[in-house]
Amino acid sequence: MKKNAFYIIAGFILFAALARLFPHAYNFTPIGAIALFGAAYFGSKKWAFLVPIIALWVSDMILNNYVYSAYYDGFAFFTSGFLYIYGGFALIVVLGIYLFDKVTIPRVLTGAVGGSIIFFIVSNFGVWISSPMYPLTVEGLILCYTAAIPFFHNTLGGTLIYSAALFGGYEYLKYKSPSFSPVEA
């Protein structure tokens, strides 16, 4: 039965990642929720990192190549902010691993807020360090974070809504069928 739970959890993650393909407000995505969800329900840290990162990468491949091929004649495997986006994502997984020895509503809320803050800090640091838009000074860093503030509410909102859907959906499924308990392997 544990194998079924693995596939159900992975399916939830893949479905959420593919939800990025539908029109949405800037930064209103399931990225933080996917990282937290994988960390909470995969018993193995290996799967907690691998499955969400692969799902994110697959959705990125679809999104980036659709946009990339519309403007250029080619195929892109990685975006310019890959390191910072995936680094922030991995840190959210780490947060989830330490936060979710037990899934509760306060922990999901804490993870969603904390994960959104982590992603904001790491991804916008990446924008500052790798973009010619901001000078590489303390003032440039402050300007970069200040310019990103209007997008934070969508990051937080997306993480909260998708966390509610993922965690709530899986907890409901476990309630209806206890054989879908968290994965040990």
C-alpha atoms as a PDB file:
ATOM      1  CA  MET A   1       0.000   0.000   0.000  1.00  0.00           C
ATOM      2  CA  LYS A   2       2.913   2.376   0.562  1.00  0.00           C
ATOM      3  CA  LYS A   3       3.674   2.271  -3.163  1.00  0.00           C
ATOM      4  CA  ASN A   4       0.141   3.546  -3.864  1.00  0.00           C
ATOM      5  CA  ALA A   5       0.663   6.390  -1.406  1.00  0.00           C
ATOM      6  CA  PHE A   6       3.898   7.331  -3.202  1.00  0.00           C
ATOM      7  CA  TYR A   7       2.099   7.563  -6.536  1.00  0.00           C
ATOM      8  CA  ILE A   8      -0.812   9.526  -5.078  1.00  0.00           C
ATOM      9  CA  ILE A   9       1.529  12.049  -3.418  1.00  0.00           C
ATOM     10  CA  ALA A  10       3.620  12.342  -6.592  1.00  0.00           C
ATOM     11  CA  GLY A  11       0.415  12.771  -8.597  1.00  0.00           C
ATOM     12  CA  PHE A  12      -0.766  15.600  -6.346  1.00  0.00           C
ATOM     13  CA  ILE A  13       2.603  17.312  -6.820  1.00  0.00           C
ATOM     14  CA  LEU A  14       2.663  16.865 -10.591  1.00  0.00           C
ATOM     15  CA  PHE A  15      -0.924  18.084 -10.926  1.00  0.00           C
ATOM     16  CA  ALA A  16      -0.132  21.188  -8.856  1.00  0.00           C
ATOM     17  CA  ALA A  17       3.029  21.853 -10.888  1.00  0.00           C
ATOM     18  CA  LEU A  18       1.063  21.604 -14.126  1.00  0.00           C
ATOM     19  CA  ALA A  19      -1.442  24.113 -12.734  1.00  0.00           C
ATOM     20  CA  ARG A  20       1.276  26.677 -13.466  1.00  0.00           C
ATOM     21  CA  LEU A  21       0.370  26.270 -17.150  1.00  0.00           C
ATOM     22  CA  PHE A  22      -3.030  27.885 -16.651  1.00  0.00           C
ATOM     23  CA  PRO A  23      -3.366  31.673 -16.672  1.00  0.00           C
ATOM     24  CA  HIS A  24      -2.682  33.157 -13.244  1.00  0.00           C
ATOM     25  CA  ALA A  25      -1.648  36.378 -11.572  1.00  0.00           C
ATOM     26  CA  TYR A  26       2.092  37.047 -11.378  1.00  0.00           C
ATOM     27  CA  ASN A  27       3.687  34.774  -8.755  1.00  0.00           C
ATOM     28  CA  PHE A  28       0.357  33.149  -7.812  1.00  0.00           C
ATOM     29  CA  THR A  29       1.801  29.676  -8.190  1.00  0.00           C
ATOM     30  CA  PRO A  30       1.966  26.373  -6.285  1.00  0.00           C
ATOM     31  CA  ILE A  31       5.773  26.406  -5.971  1.00  0.00           C
ATOM     32  CA  GLY A  32       5.952  26.827  -2.175  1.00  0.00           C
ATOM     33  CA  ALA A  33       3.024  24.501  -1.556  1.00  0.00           C
ATOM     34  CA  ILE A  34       4.595  21.745  -3.666  1.00  0.00           C
ATOM     35  CA  ALA A  35       7.853  21.940  -1.705  1.00  0.00           C
ATOM     36  CA  LEU A  36       6.065  21.854   1.649  1.00  0.00           C
ATOM     37  CA  PHE A  37       3.708  19.070   0.600  1.00  0.00           C
ATOM     38  CA  GLY A  38       6.522  16.814  -0.605  1.00  0.00           C
ATOM     39  CA  ALA A  39       8.488  17.454   2.588  1.00  0.00           C
ATOM     40  CA  ALA A  40       5.466  16.662   4.745  1.00  0.00           C
ATOM     41  CA  TYR A  41       4.369  13.410   3.145  1.00  0.00           C
ATOM     42  CA  PHE A  42       7.418  11.695   1.689  1.00  0.00           C
ATOM     43  CA  GLY A  43       9.101   9.806   4.505  1.00  0.00           C
ATOM     44  CA  SER A  44      12.381   9.807   2.604  1.00  0.00           C
ATOM     45  CA  LYS A  45      14.241  13.108   2.295  1.00  0.00           C
ATOM     46  CA  LYS A  46      15.471  11.941  -1.092  1.00  0.00           C
ATOM     47  CA  TRP A  47      11.911  11.773  -2.468  1.00  0.00           C
ATOM     48  CA  ALA A  48      10.929  14.954  -0.622  1.00  0.00           C
ATOM     49  CA  PHE A  49      13.499  16.787  -2.764  1.00  0.00           C
ATOM     50  CA  LEU A  50      13.467  14.812  -6.006  1.00  0.00           C
ATOM     51  CA  VAL A  51       9.769  14.519  -6.817  1.00  0.00           C
ATOM     52  CA  PRO A  52       8.880  18.205  -6.254  1.00  0.00           C
ATOM     53  CA  ILE A  53      12.024  19.417  -8.046  1.00  0.00           C
ATOM     54  CA  ILE A  54      11.386  17.153 -11.034  1.00  0.00           C
ATOM     55  CA  ALA A  55       7.732  18.277 -11.179  1.00  0.00           C
ATOM     56  CA  LEU A  56       8.801  21.921 -11.042  1.00  0.00           C
ATOM     57  CA  TRP A  57      11.435  21.330 -13.731  1.00  0.00           C
ATOM     58  CA  VAL A  58       8.909  19.580 -16.023  1.00  0.00           C
ATOM     59  CA  SER A  59       6.469  22.474 -15.695  1.00  0.00           C
ATOM     60  CA  ASP A  60       9.343  24.924 -16.260  1.00  0.00           C
ATOM     61  CA  MET A  61      10.363  23.029 -19.392  1.00  0.00           C
ATOM     62  CA  ILE A  62       6.840  23.316 -20.771  1.00  0.00           C
ATOM     63  CA  LEU A  63       6.415  26.965 -19.777  1.00  0.00           C
ATOM     64  CA  ASN A  64       9.853  28.180 -20.779  1.00  0.00           C
ATOM     65  CA  ASN A  65       9.986  26.387 -24.088  1.00  0.00           C
ATOM     66  CA  TYR A  66       6.554  27.586 -25.072  1.00  0.00           C
ATOM     67  CA  VAL A  67       7.563  31.172 -24.336  1.00  0.00           C
ATOM     68  CA  TYR A  68      11.155  30.714 -25.550  1.00  0.00           C
ATOM     69  CA  SER A  69      10.195  29.118 -28.845  1.00  0.00           C
ATOM     70  CA  ALA A  70       7.612  31.832 -29.479  1.00  0.00           C
ATOM     71  CA  TYR A  71      10.380  34.476 -29.502  1.00  0.00           C
ATOM     72  CA  TYR A  72      13.505  32.528 -30.441  1.00  0.00           C
ATOM     73  CA  ASP A  73      14.354  29.614 -32.656  1.00  0.00           C
ATOM     74  CA  GLY A  74      15.515  27.131 -30.078  1.00  0.00           C
ATOM     75  CA  PHE A  75      14.974  25.155 -26.923  1.00  0.00           C
ATOM     76  CA  ALA A  76      15.813  26.259 -23.360  1.00  0.00           C
ATOM     77  CA  PHE A  77      16.522  23.812 -20.535  1.00  0.00           C
ATOM     78  CA  PHE A  78      17.119  26.369 -17.786  1.00  0.00           C
ATOM     79  CA  THR A  79      16.088  29.942 -17.094  1.00  0.00           C
ATOM     80  CA  SER A  80      18.575  32.636 -16.137  1.00  0.00           C
ATOM     81  CA  GLY A  81      17.414  32.542 -12.498  1.00  0.00           C
ATOM     82  CA  PHE A  82      17.464  28.752 -12.270  1.00  0.00           C
ATOM     83  CA  LEU A  83      19.969  28.564  -9.417  1.00  0.00           C
ATOM     84  CA  TYR A  84      18.091  31.024  -7.204  1.00  0.00           C
ATOM     85  CA  ILE A  85      14.597  29.761  -7.986  1.00  0.00           C
ATOM     86  CA  TYR A  86      15.513  26.130  -7.358  1.00  0.00           C
ATOM     87  CA  GLY A  87      17.722  27.070  -4.409  1.00  0.00           C
ATOM     88  CA  GLY A  88      14.795  28.879  -2.783  1.00  0.00           C
ATOM     89  CA  PHE A  89      12.580  25.915  -3.602  1.00  0.00           C
ATOM     90  CA  ALA A  90      15.063  23.501  -1.966  1.00  0.00           C
ATOM     91  CA  LEU A  91      15.198  25.682   1.155  1.00  0.00           C
ATOM     92  CA  ILE A  92      11.400  25.480   1.403  1.00  0.00           C
ATOM     93  CA  VAL A  93      11.711  21.678   1.285  1.00  0.00           C
ATOM     94  CA  VAL A  94      14.228  21.887   4.150  1.00  0.00           C
ATOM     95  CA  LEU A  95      11.797  24.084   6.099  1.00  0.00           C
ATOM     96  CA  GLY A  96       9.058  21.529   5.499  1.00  0.00           C
ATOM     97  CA  ILE A  97      11.224  18.601   6.587  1.00  0.00           C
ATOM     98  CA  TYR A  98      11.881  20.280   9.927  1.00  0.00           C
ATOM     99  CA  LEU A  99       8.367  21.631  10.327  1.00  0.00           C
ATOM    100  CA  PHE A 100       6.264  18.593   9.512  1.00  0.00           C
ATOM    101  CA  ASP A 101       6.886  15.830  11.983  1.00  0.00           C
ATOM    102  CA  LYS A 102       3.081  16.106  12.181  1.00  0.00           C
ATOM    103  CA  VAL A 103       0.750  17.880   9.736  1.00  0.00           C
ATOM    104  CA  THR A 104      -1.474  20.442  11.455  1.00  0.00           C
ATOM    105  CA  ILE A 105      -3.201  23.580  10.225  1.00  0.00           C
ATOM    106  CA  PRO A 106      -0.901  25.927  12.201  1.00  0.00           C
ATOM    107  CA  ARG A 107       2.164  24.171  10.783  1.00  0.00           C
ATOM    108  CA  VAL A 108       0.814  24.388   7.229  1.00  0.00           C
ATOM    109  CA  LEU A 109       0.142  28.110   7.731  1.00  0.00           C
ATOM    110  CA  THR A 110       3.594  28.636   9.261  1.00  0.00           C
ATOM    111  CA  GLY A 111       5.188  26.723   6.397  1.00  0.00           C
ATOM    112  CA  ALA A 112       3.259  28.703   3.776  1.00  0.00           C
ATOM    113  CA  VAL A 113       4.236  32.056   5.263  1.00  0.00           C
ATOM    114  CA  GLY A 114       7.820  30.987   5.985  1.00  0.00           C
ATOM    115  CA  GLY A 115       8.220  29.383   2.565  1.00  0.00           C
ATOM    116  CA  SER A 116       6.897  32.501   0.830  1.00  0.00           C
ATOM    117  CA  ILE A 117       9.360  34.662   2.737  1.00  0.00           C
ATOM    118  CA  ILE A 118      12.254  32.312   1.935  1.00  0.00           C
ATOM    119  CA  PHE A 119      11.363  32.304  -1.758  1.00  0.00           C
ATOM    120  CA  PHE A 120      11.005  36.099  -1.790  1.00  0.00           C
ATOM    121  CA  ILE A 121      14.417  36.600  -0.189  1.00  0.00           C
ATOM    122  CA  VAL A 122      16.330  34.040  -2.270  1.00  0.00           C
ATOM    123  CA  SER A 123      14.735  34.669  -5.675  1.00  0.00           C
ATOM    124  CA  ASN A 124      14.987  38.442  -5.429  1.00  0.00           C
ATOM    125  CA  PHE A 125      18.578  38.194  -4.252  1.00  0.00           C
ATOM    126  CA  GLY A 126      19.135  36.262  -7.472  1.00  0.00           C
ATOM    127  CA  VAL A 127      17.512  39.033  -9.477  1.00  0.00           C
ATOM    128  CA  TRP A 128      19.758  41.608  -7.795  1.00  0.00           C
ATOM    129  CA  ILE A 129      22.992  39.656  -8.224  1.00  0.00           C
ATOM    130  CA  SER A 130      22.417  38.541 -11.823  1.00  0.00           C
ATOM    131  CA  SER A 131      20.493  41.407 -13.396  1.00  0.00           C
ATOM    132  CA  PRO A 132      21.956  44.624 -14.739  1.00  0.00           C
ATOM    133  CA  MET A 133      18.745  46.329 -13.606  1.00  0.00           C
ATOM    134  CA  TYR A 134      20.092  47.028 -10.109  1.00  0.00           C
ATOM    135  CA  PRO A 135      23.538  48.221  -9.035  1.00  0.00           C
ATOM    136  CA  LEU A 136      25.509  45.711  -6.964  1.00  0.00           C
ATOM    137  CA  THR A 137      25.377  47.895  -3.867  1.00  0.00           C
ATOM    138  CA  VAL A 138      23.387  47.806  -0.646  1.00  0.00           C
ATOM    139  CA  GLU A 139      21.145  50.495  -2.138  1.00  0.00           C
ATOM    140  CA  GLY A 140      20.642  48.348  -5.252  1.00  0.00           C
ATOM    141  CA  LEU A 141      19.700  45.353  -3.109  1.00  0.00           C
ATOM    142  CA  ILE A 142      17.202  47.426  -1.135  1.00  0.00           C
ATOM    143  CA  LEU A 143      15.775  48.808  -4.379  1.00  0.00           C
ATOM    144  CA  CYS A 144      15.422  45.280  -5.773  1.00  0.00           C
ATOM    145  CA  TYR A 145      13.554  43.993  -2.706  1.00  0.00           C
ATOM    146  CA  THR A 146      11.407  47.109  -2.596  1.00  0.00           C
ATOM    147  CA  ALA A 147      10.423  46.689  -6.245  1.00  0.00           C
ATOM    148  CA  ALA A 148       9.441  43.071  -5.553  1.00  0.00           C
ATOM    149  CA  ILE A 149       7.109  43.825  -2.628  1.00  0.00           C
ATOM    150  CA  PRO A 150       3.989  44.261  -4.818  1.00  0.00           C
ATOM    151  CA  PHE A 151       4.425  40.672  -6.061  1.00  0.00           C
ATOM    152  CA  PHE A 152       4.804  39.125  -2.598  1.00  0.00           C
ATOM    153  CA  HIS A 153       1.091  39.047  -1.817  1.00  0.00           C
ATOM    154  CA  ASN A 154       0.541  36.812  -4.866  1.00  0.00           C
ATOM    155  CA  THR A 155       3.364  34.499  -3.796  1.00  0.00           C
ATOM    156  CA  LEU A 156       1.861  34.237  -0.319  1.00  0.00           C
ATOM    157  CA  GLY A 157      -1.683  33.877  -1.635  1.00  0.00           C
ATOM    158  CA  GLY A 158      -0.695  31.162  -4.096  1.00  0.00           C
ATOM    159  CA  THR A 159       1.237  29.258  -1.459  1.00  0.00           C
ATOM    160  CA  LEU A 160      -1.664  29.474   1.010  1.00  0.00           C
ATOM    161  CA  ILE A 161      -4.351  28.458  -1.501  1.00  0.00           C
ATOM    162  CA  TYR A 162      -2.360  25.633  -3.053  1.00  0.00           C
ATOM    163  CA  SER A 163      -1.259  24.416   0.398  1.00  0.00           C
ATOM    164  CA  ALA A 164      -4.899  24.289   1.467  1.00  0.00           C
ATOM    165  CA  ALA A 165      -5.779  22.331  -1.690  1.00  0.00           C
ATOM    166  CA  LEU A 166      -2.835  19.901  -1.506  1.00  0.00           C
ATOM    167  CA  PHE A 167      -2.816  19.266   2.232  1.00  0.00           C
ATOM    168  CA  GLY A 168      -6.607  19.368   2.545  1.00  0.00           C
ATOM    169  CA  GLY A 169      -7.097  17.086  -0.451  1.00  0.00           C
ATOM    170  CA  TYR A 170      -4.586  14.541   0.743  1.00  0.00           C
ATOM    171  CA  GLU A 171      -5.832  14.579   4.338  1.00  0.00           C
ATOM    172  CA  TYR A 172      -9.370  14.043   3.038  1.00  0.00           C
ATOM    173  CA  LEU A 173      -8.133  11.145   0.902  1.00  0.00           C
ATOM    174  CA  LYS A 174      -6.374   9.637   3.948  1.00  0.00           C
ATOM    175  CA  TYR A 175      -9.567  10.064   5.963  1.00  0.00           C
ATOM    176  CA  LYS A 176     -11.576   8.239   3.316  1.00  0.00           C
ATOM    177  CA  SER A 177      -8.902   5.587   2.714  1.00  0.00           C
ATOM    178  CA  PRO A 178      -6.372   5.192   5.560  1.00  0.00           C
ATOM    179  CA  SER A 179      -4.150   3.037   3.336  1.00  0.00           C
ATOM    180  CA  PHE A 180      -2.834   6.291   1.776  1.00  0.00           C
ATOM    181  CA  SER A 181      -0.706   7.160   4.773  1.00  0.00           C
ATOM    182  CA  PRO A 182       2.621   8.998   4.313  1.00  0.00           C
ATOM    183  CA  VAL A 183       5.339   7.141   2.449  1.00  0.00           C
ATOM    184  CA  GLU A 184       8.107   5.459   4.439  1.00  0.00           C
ATOM    185  CA  ALA A 185      10.461   4.528   1.592  1.00  0.00           C
END
